[in-house]
Amino acid sequence: MSSTVKSTKRHVHKPSPAARPSQAHTSGTPADWCVGIVTEVEDRQFLVTSGNLRARATRAASCLLEPSNGDSVACLRVAPDEVWILAVLQREACAEQVLRCHGNTRWAVEGGALTLDAPELRIRGDCLEVSVQRTKLTTDIAEVVGRQFRLIATSVKVIGGVLSTVMDRVNHFSKNYLRTTDGTDRVSAIHIECEAKQLLRMEAEHTLVNGSKLIKARASQIHFG
């Protein structure tokens, strides 16, 4: 009994070099991390000391807290002469916290509210512009000090217990002026003038006119009674 062995050759198709996909080997920029201490601040440049390393560093745009002397900072060194401060890790409790941004800055909050909570809030600037649909201010004591104050509104309503104003000069103009006083309405001045183009009317249950030296009435017709 004879056995026949048949050998089968498998042909594997090898793609040509032109058909092979090209593999591009990309490598990122090498960088080193370090933690250092800010020992000098001059003209937005910071001298960071980390062991034997002493390098000039620049604050990154994402690091809003302005570094100061003695701060522990996290740094990223991209090149021997290019060091970036990414975050302030630790600072003394008595040091001032300064958040600094360069250029136009805008806070955008979507679907929520922005709340500023502090024992004392100060706003300083050359110009303050607020544009809202509704404003509500609640305070115990309010004081406004300025050289000029201008209010433009369709309707103004002031409700209070006591109103006291001190002015050198007051100019008032209105098309209609109505005033109602439940108690005493008194005007004290050196010289008082009341002028009406058509009609001047004084009406009361008792009317007293007292002139220490002179009382004078002049008209084309004078009627009493």
C-alpha atoms as a PDB file:
ATOM      1  CA  MET A   1       0.000   0.000   0.000  1.00  0.00           C
ATOM      2  CA  SER A   2       1.591   3.212  -1.089  1.00  0.00           C
ATOM      3  CA  SER A   3       0.859   6.650   0.163  1.00  0.00           C
ATOM      4  CA  THR A   4       1.245   9.723  -1.906  1.00  0.00           C
ATOM      5  CA  VAL A   5       2.124  12.952  -0.233  1.00  0.00           C
ATOM      6  CA  LYS A   6       1.208  16.045  -2.092  1.00  0.00           C
ATOM      7  CA  SER A   7       2.767  19.329  -1.105  1.00  0.00           C
ATOM      8  CA  THR A   8       0.735  22.441  -1.498  1.00  0.00           C
ATOM      9  CA  LYS A   9       2.448  25.807  -1.777  1.00  0.00           C
ATOM     10  CA  ARG A  10       0.601  28.803  -0.495  1.00  0.00           C
ATOM     11  CA  HIS A  11       1.223  31.983  -2.338  1.00  0.00           C
ATOM     12  CA  VAL A  12       1.083  35.059  -0.089  1.00  0.00           C
ATOM     13  CA  HIS A  13       0.565  38.318  -1.901  1.00  0.00           C
ATOM     14  CA  LYS A  14       2.965  40.950  -0.647  1.00  0.00           C
ATOM     15  CA  PRO A  15       1.993  44.508  -1.421  1.00  0.00           C
ATOM     16  CA  SER A  16       4.459  46.591  -3.235  1.00  0.00           C
ATOM     17  CA  PRO A  17       6.218  49.385  -1.380  1.00  0.00           C
ATOM     18  CA  ALA A  18       4.088  51.929  -3.208  1.00  0.00           C
ATOM     19  CA  ALA A  19       0.891  50.270  -1.970  1.00  0.00           C
ATOM     20  CA  ARG A  20       1.943  50.169   1.691  1.00  0.00           C
ATOM     21  CA  PRO A  21       0.362  52.890   3.853  1.00  0.00           C
ATOM     22  CA  SER A  22       2.859  55.407   5.026  1.00  0.00           C
ATOM     23  CA  GLN A  23       3.360  55.614   8.775  1.00  0.00           C
ATOM     24  CA  ALA A  24       4.366  59.039   9.989  1.00  0.00           C
ATOM     25  CA  HIS A  25       6.164  59.045  13.293  1.00  0.00           C
ATOM     26  CA  THR A  26       5.213  62.229  15.150  1.00  0.00           C
ATOM     27  CA  SER A  27       6.690  63.321  18.435  1.00  0.00           C
ATOM     28  CA  GLY A  28       5.503  66.159  20.678  1.00  0.00           C
ATOM     29  CA  THR A  29       7.593  68.974  22.057  1.00  0.00           C
ATOM     30  CA  PRO A  30       9.602  67.681  25.027  1.00  0.00           C
ATOM     31  CA  ALA A  31       8.781  69.407  28.303  1.00  0.00           C
ATOM     32  CA  ASP A  32       9.792  69.060  31.941  1.00  0.00           C
ATOM     33  CA  TRP A  33       7.662  69.653  35.027  1.00  0.00           C
ATOM     34  CA  CYS A  34       9.019  71.227  38.156  1.00  0.00           C
ATOM     35  CA  VAL A  35       7.856  72.858  41.357  1.00  0.00           C
ATOM     36  CA  GLY A  36       9.694  75.985  42.435  1.00  0.00           C
ATOM     37  CA  ILE A  37       9.606  79.105  44.554  1.00  0.00           C
ATOM     38  CA  VAL A  38       9.162  82.596  43.149  1.00  0.00           C
ATOM     39  CA  THR A  39      12.083  84.641  44.442  1.00  0.00           C
ATOM     40  CA  GLU A  40      11.824  87.768  42.268  1.00  0.00           C
ATOM     41  CA  VAL A  41       9.099  89.632  40.371  1.00  0.00           C
ATOM     42  CA  GLU A  42       9.963  92.285  37.799  1.00  0.00           C
ATOM     43  CA  ASP A  43       7.932  93.590  34.838  1.00  0.00           C
ATOM     44  CA  ARG A  44       5.639  90.533  34.506  1.00  0.00           C
ATOM     45  CA  GLN A  45       8.671  88.238  34.661  1.00  0.00           C
ATOM     46  CA  PHE A  46       9.255  85.873  37.561  1.00  0.00           C
ATOM     47  CA  LEU A  47      12.456  84.307  38.786  1.00  0.00           C
ATOM     48  CA  VAL A  48      11.746  80.730  39.865  1.00  0.00           C
ATOM     49  CA  THR A  49      14.161  78.677  41.947  1.00  0.00           C
ATOM     50  CA  SER A  50      13.816  74.881  42.026  1.00  0.00           C
ATOM     51  CA  GLY A  51      16.831  73.103  43.481  1.00  0.00           C
ATOM     52  CA  ASN A  52      19.800  74.036  41.312  1.00  0.00           C
ATOM     53  CA  LEU A  53      17.498  75.537  38.654  1.00  0.00           C
ATOM     54  CA  ARG A  54      17.122  79.310  38.455  1.00  0.00           C
ATOM     55  CA  ALA A  55      15.089  80.440  35.444  1.00  0.00           C
ATOM     56  CA  ARG A  56      13.017  83.352  34.260  1.00  0.00           C
ATOM     57  CA  ALA A  57       9.388  82.283  33.932  1.00  0.00           C
ATOM     58  CA  THR A  58       6.273  83.756  32.344  1.00  0.00           C
ATOM     59  CA  ARG A  59       2.789  83.401  33.766  1.00  0.00           C
ATOM     60  CA  ALA A  60       0.554  81.262  31.560  1.00  0.00           C
ATOM     61  CA  ALA A  61      -2.776  82.630  30.374  1.00  0.00           C
ATOM     62  CA  SER A  62      -4.646  79.966  32.367  1.00  0.00           C
ATOM     63  CA  CYS A  63      -2.958  81.034  35.626  1.00  0.00           C
ATOM     64  CA  LEU A  64      -5.260  83.873  36.640  1.00  0.00           C
ATOM     65  CA  LEU A  65      -3.725  84.272  40.102  1.00  0.00           C
ATOM     66  CA  GLU A  66      -0.796  86.664  39.878  1.00  0.00           C
ATOM     67  CA  PRO A  67       2.310  85.019  41.433  1.00  0.00           C
ATOM     68  CA  SER A  68       4.226  86.916  44.083  1.00  0.00           C
ATOM     69  CA  ASN A  69       7.436  86.473  46.054  1.00  0.00           C
ATOM     70  CA  GLY A  70       7.489  83.333  48.163  1.00  0.00           C
ATOM     71  CA  ASP A  71       4.787  81.461  46.224  1.00  0.00           C
ATOM     72  CA  SER A  72       5.140  77.781  45.451  1.00  0.00           C
ATOM     73  CA  VAL A  73       4.355  77.395  41.743  1.00  0.00           C
ATOM     74  CA  ALA A  74       4.031  74.563  39.250  1.00  0.00           C
ATOM     75  CA  CYS A  75       6.135  75.215  36.151  1.00  0.00           C
ATOM     76  CA  LEU A  76       6.490  73.694  32.704  1.00  0.00           C
ATOM     77  CA  ARG A  77       9.878  74.034  31.002  1.00  0.00           C
ATOM     78  CA  VAL A  78       9.609  73.735  27.228  1.00  0.00           C
ATOM     79  CA  ALA A  79      13.118  74.988  26.484  1.00  0.00           C
ATOM     80  CA  PRO A  80      16.056  76.075  28.622  1.00  0.00           C
ATOM     81  CA  ASP A  81      14.997  79.690  28.215  1.00  0.00           C
ATOM     82  CA  GLU A  82      11.209  79.102  28.097  1.00  0.00           C
ATOM     83  CA  VAL A  83       9.527  78.365  31.428  1.00  0.00           C
ATOM     84  CA  TRP A  84       5.809  78.821  32.076  1.00  0.00           C
ATOM     85  CA  ILE A  85       4.072  79.136  35.453  1.00  0.00           C
ATOM     86  CA  LEU A  86       0.859  77.135  35.202  1.00  0.00           C
ATOM     87  CA  ALA A  87      -0.518  77.393  38.743  1.00  0.00           C
ATOM     88  CA  VAL A  88       0.162  78.838  42.160  1.00  0.00           C
ATOM     89  CA  LEU A  89       0.242  75.927  44.593  1.00  0.00           C
ATOM     90  CA  GLN A  90       0.700  77.645  47.944  1.00  0.00           C
ATOM     91  CA  ARG A  91       0.807  81.174  49.282  1.00  0.00           C
ATOM     92  CA  GLU A  92       1.004  82.798  52.668  1.00  0.00           C
ATOM     93  CA  ALA A  93      -2.382  83.535  54.199  1.00  0.00           C
ATOM     94  CA  CYS A  94      -1.674  87.248  54.716  1.00  0.00           C
ATOM     95  CA  ALA A  95      -0.654  87.863  51.084  1.00  0.00           C
ATOM     96  CA  GLU A  96      -3.054  89.636  48.739  1.00  0.00           C
ATOM     97  CA  GLN A  97      -4.806  87.542  46.094  1.00  0.00           C
ATOM     98  CA  VAL A  98      -4.759  89.275  42.701  1.00  0.00           C
ATOM     99  CA  LEU A  99      -6.539  87.813  39.668  1.00  0.00           C
ATOM    100  CA  ARG A 100      -5.094  89.449  36.561  1.00  0.00           C
ATOM    101  CA  CYS A 101      -6.118  89.202  32.897  1.00  0.00           C
ATOM    102  CA  HIS A 102      -4.628  91.060  29.943  1.00  0.00           C
ATOM    103  CA  GLY A 103      -6.880  92.396  27.198  1.00  0.00           C
ATOM    104  CA  ASN A 104     -10.652  92.256  26.923  1.00  0.00           C
ATOM    105  CA  THR A 105     -12.139  89.764  29.400  1.00  0.00           C
ATOM    106  CA  ARG A 106     -15.693  88.425  29.531  1.00  0.00           C
ATOM    107  CA  TRP A 107     -17.421  86.050  31.945  1.00  0.00           C
ATOM    108  CA  ALA A 108     -20.111  83.961  30.257  1.00  0.00           C
ATOM    109  CA  VAL A 109     -22.563  81.964  32.400  1.00  0.00           C
ATOM    110  CA  GLU A 110     -25.193  79.843  30.670  1.00  0.00           C
ATOM    111  CA  GLY A 111     -28.210  78.370  32.415  1.00  0.00           C
ATOM    112  CA  GLY A 112     -27.360  79.724  35.860  1.00  0.00           C
ATOM    113  CA  ALA A 113     -26.559  82.763  37.963  1.00  0.00           C
ATOM    114  CA  LEU A 114     -23.292  84.501  38.795  1.00  0.00           C
ATOM    115  CA  THR A 115     -22.951  85.323  42.501  1.00  0.00           C
ATOM    116  CA  LEU A 116     -20.232  87.438  44.107  1.00  0.00           C
ATOM    117  CA  ASP A 117     -20.082  86.911  47.869  1.00  0.00           C
ATOM    118  CA  ALA A 118     -17.629  88.939  49.936  1.00  0.00           C
ATOM    119  CA  PRO A 119     -17.676  90.958  53.180  1.00  0.00           C
ATOM    120  CA  GLU A 120     -16.586  94.012  51.168  1.00  0.00           C
ATOM    121  CA  LEU A 121     -16.963  94.471  47.415  1.00  0.00           C
ATOM    122  CA  ARG A 122     -15.194  97.262  45.511  1.00  0.00           C
ATOM    123  CA  ILE A 123     -15.390  98.166  41.829  1.00  0.00           C
ATOM    124  CA  ARG A 124     -12.790 100.535  40.391  1.00  0.00           C
ATOM    125  CA  GLY A 125     -12.535 101.711  36.813  1.00  0.00           C
ATOM    126  CA  ASP A 126     -12.670 104.671  34.483  1.00  0.00           C
ATOM    127  CA  CYS A 127     -16.109 103.717  33.122  1.00  0.00           C
ATOM    128  CA  LEU A 128     -18.906 101.510  34.491  1.00  0.00           C
ATOM    129  CA  GLU A 129     -21.712 100.432  32.153  1.00  0.00           C
ATOM    130  CA  VAL A 130     -24.573  98.190  33.279  1.00  0.00           C
ATOM    131  CA  SER A 131     -27.247  97.045  30.819  1.00  0.00           C
ATOM    132  CA  VAL A 132     -30.062  94.954  32.324  1.00  0.00           C
ATOM    133  CA  GLN A 133     -33.829  94.691  32.012  1.00  0.00           C
ATOM    134  CA  ARG A 134     -34.501  94.937  35.744  1.00  0.00           C
ATOM    135  CA  THR A 135     -32.430  96.243  38.652  1.00  0.00           C
ATOM    136  CA  LYS A 136     -33.121  95.723  42.344  1.00  0.00           C
ATOM    137  CA  LEU A 137     -30.933  97.272  45.035  1.00  0.00           C
ATOM    138  CA  THR A 138     -31.436  96.538  48.724  1.00  0.00           C
ATOM    139  CA  THR A 139     -29.237  98.307  51.263  1.00  0.00           C
ATOM    140  CA  ASP A 140     -29.389  99.816  54.746  1.00  0.00           C
ATOM    141  CA  ILE A 141     -27.238 102.871  53.988  1.00  0.00           C
ATOM    142  CA  ALA A 142     -26.471 104.261  50.514  1.00  0.00           C
ATOM    143  CA  GLU A 143     -24.164 107.167  49.717  1.00  0.00           C
ATOM    144  CA  VAL A 144     -23.446 108.541  46.242  1.00  0.00           C
ATOM    145  CA  VAL A 145     -20.620 111.071  45.818  1.00  0.00           C
ATOM    146  CA  GLY A 146     -19.929 112.574  42.415  1.00  0.00           C
ATOM    147  CA  ARG A 147     -19.326 115.777  40.512  1.00  0.00           C
ATOM    148  CA  GLN A 148     -22.293 115.348  38.154  1.00  0.00           C
ATOM    149  CA  PHE A 149     -25.367 113.147  38.465  1.00  0.00           C
ATOM    150  CA  ARG A 150     -27.908 112.776  35.665  1.00  0.00           C
ATOM    151  CA  LEU A 151     -31.063 110.668  35.778  1.00  0.00           C
ATOM    152  CA  ILE A 152     -33.231 110.077  32.683  1.00  0.00           C
ATOM    153  CA  ALA A 153     -36.404 108.032  33.095  1.00  0.00           C
ATOM    154  CA  THR A 154     -40.002 107.967  31.917  1.00  0.00           C
ATOM    155  CA  SER A 155     -41.375 107.622  35.438  1.00  0.00           C
ATOM    156  CA  VAL A 156     -39.635 108.309  38.767  1.00  0.00           C
ATOM    157  CA  LYS A 157     -41.175 107.435  42.133  1.00  0.00           C
ATOM    158  CA  VAL A 158     -39.498 108.105  45.475  1.00  0.00           C
ATOM    159  CA  ILE A 159     -40.992 106.882  48.754  1.00  0.00           C
ATOM    160  CA  GLY A 160     -39.348 107.632  52.076  1.00  0.00           C
ATOM    161  CA  GLY A 161     -39.770 108.905  55.594  1.00  0.00           C
ATOM    162  CA  VAL A 162     -37.566 112.028  55.495  1.00  0.00           C
ATOM    163  CA  LEU A 163     -36.235 113.983  52.504  1.00  0.00           C
ATOM    164  CA  SER A 164     -33.474 116.519  53.083  1.00  0.00           C
ATOM    165  CA  THR A 165     -31.641 118.310  50.269  1.00  0.00           C
ATOM    166  CA  VAL A 166     -28.952 121.018  50.373  1.00  0.00           C
ATOM    167  CA  MET A 167     -28.349 122.861  47.097  1.00  0.00           C
ATOM    168  CA  ASP A 168     -26.709 126.110  46.062  1.00  0.00           C
ATOM    169  CA  ARG A 169     -29.135 126.521  43.174  1.00  0.00           C
ATOM    170  CA  VAL A 170     -32.216 124.601  42.018  1.00  0.00           C
ATOM    171  CA  ASN A 171     -33.810 124.976  38.574  1.00  0.00           C
ATOM    172  CA  HIS A 172     -37.105 123.189  38.022  1.00  0.00           C
ATOM    173  CA  PHE A 173     -39.219 122.999  34.876  1.00  0.00           C
ATOM    174  CA  SER A 174     -42.392 120.990  34.371  1.00  0.00           C
ATOM    175  CA  LYS A 175     -45.547 121.255  32.278  1.00  0.00           C
ATOM    176  CA  ASN A 176     -47.778 120.496  35.251  1.00  0.00           C
ATOM    177  CA  TYR A 177     -46.765 120.670  38.903  1.00  0.00           C
ATOM    178  CA  LEU A 178     -49.126 119.393  41.599  1.00  0.00           C
ATOM    179  CA  ARG A 179     -48.190 119.299  45.268  1.00  0.00           C
ATOM    180  CA  THR A 180     -50.263 118.131  48.237  1.00  0.00           C
ATOM    181  CA  THR A 181     -49.244 118.575  51.867  1.00  0.00           C
ATOM    182  CA  ASP A 182     -51.272 117.289  54.795  1.00  0.00           C
ATOM    183  CA  GLY A 183     -49.427 119.348  57.411  1.00  0.00           C
ATOM    184  CA  THR A 184     -47.626 122.679  57.293  1.00  0.00           C
ATOM    185  CA  ASP A 185     -46.191 123.981  54.033  1.00  0.00           C
ATOM    186  CA  ARG A 186     -43.802 126.821  54.786  1.00  0.00           C
ATOM    187  CA  VAL A 187     -41.421 128.796  52.586  1.00  0.00           C
ATOM    188  CA  SER A 188     -38.832 131.052  54.193  1.00  0.00           C
ATOM    189  CA  ALA A 189     -36.791 133.323  51.943  1.00  0.00           C
ATOM    190  CA  ILE A 190     -35.473 136.872  51.643  1.00  0.00           C
ATOM    191  CA  HIS A 191     -37.379 137.570  48.435  1.00  0.00           C
ATOM    192  CA  ILE A 192     -40.344 135.629  47.032  1.00  0.00           C
ATOM    193  CA  GLU A 193     -41.929 136.205  43.636  1.00  0.00           C
ATOM    194  CA  CYS A 194     -45.061 134.502  42.340  1.00  0.00           C
ATOM    195  CA  GLU A 195     -45.886 135.240  38.712  1.00  0.00           C
ATOM    196  CA  ALA A 196     -48.759 133.858  36.629  1.00  0.00           C
ATOM    197  CA  LYS A 197     -49.587 134.736  33.027  1.00  0.00           C
ATOM    198  CA  GLN A 198     -53.346 134.278  33.377  1.00  0.00           C
ATOM    199  CA  LEU A 199     -54.586 133.606  36.895  1.00  0.00           C
ATOM    200  CA  LEU A 200     -53.197 133.690  40.418  1.00  0.00           C
ATOM    201  CA  ARG A 201     -55.590 132.285  42.984  1.00  0.00           C
ATOM    202  CA  MET A 202     -55.241 132.061  46.750  1.00  0.00           C
ATOM    203  CA  GLU A 203     -58.049 130.374  48.659  1.00  0.00           C
ATOM    204  CA  ALA A 204     -58.324 129.490  52.336  1.00  0.00           C
ATOM    205  CA  GLU A 205     -60.752 129.531  55.252  1.00  0.00           C
ATOM    206  CA  HIS A 206     -58.687 132.286  56.826  1.00  0.00           C
ATOM    207  CA  THR A 207     -56.267 134.419  54.845  1.00  0.00           C
ATOM    208  CA  LEU A 208     -53.826 136.735  56.577  1.00  0.00           C
ATOM    209  CA  VAL A 209     -51.658 139.291  54.817  1.00  0.00           C
ATOM    210  CA  ASN A 210     -49.216 141.081  57.069  1.00  0.00           C
ATOM    211  CA  GLY A 211     -46.773 143.745  55.948  1.00  0.00           C
ATOM    212  CA  SER A 212     -44.712 145.502  58.581  1.00  0.00           C
ATOM    213  CA  LYS A 213     -44.252 148.618  56.439  1.00  0.00           C
ATOM    214  CA  LEU A 214     -46.268 148.460  53.239  1.00  0.00           C
ATOM    215  CA  ILE A 215     -49.061 146.526  51.547  1.00  0.00           C
ATOM    216  CA  LYS A 216     -49.757 147.578  47.986  1.00  0.00           C
ATOM    217  CA  ALA A 217     -52.357 146.311  45.491  1.00  0.00           C
ATOM    218  CA  ARG A 218     -52.422 147.668  41.959  1.00  0.00           C
ATOM    219  CA  ALA A 219     -54.816 146.735  39.146  1.00  0.00           C
ATOM    220  CA  SER A 220     -57.246 148.255  36.664  1.00  0.00           C
ATOM    221  CA  GLN A 221     -60.091 146.948  38.834  1.00  0.00           C
ATOM    222  CA  ILE A 222     -60.052 145.894  42.481  1.00  0.00           C
ATOM    223  CA  HIS A 223     -63.056 144.094  43.968  1.00  0.00           C
ATOM    224  CA  PHE A 224     -63.577 143.252  47.638  1.00  0.00           C
ATOM    225  CA  GLY A 225     -66.464 141.215  48.965  1.00  0.00           C
END
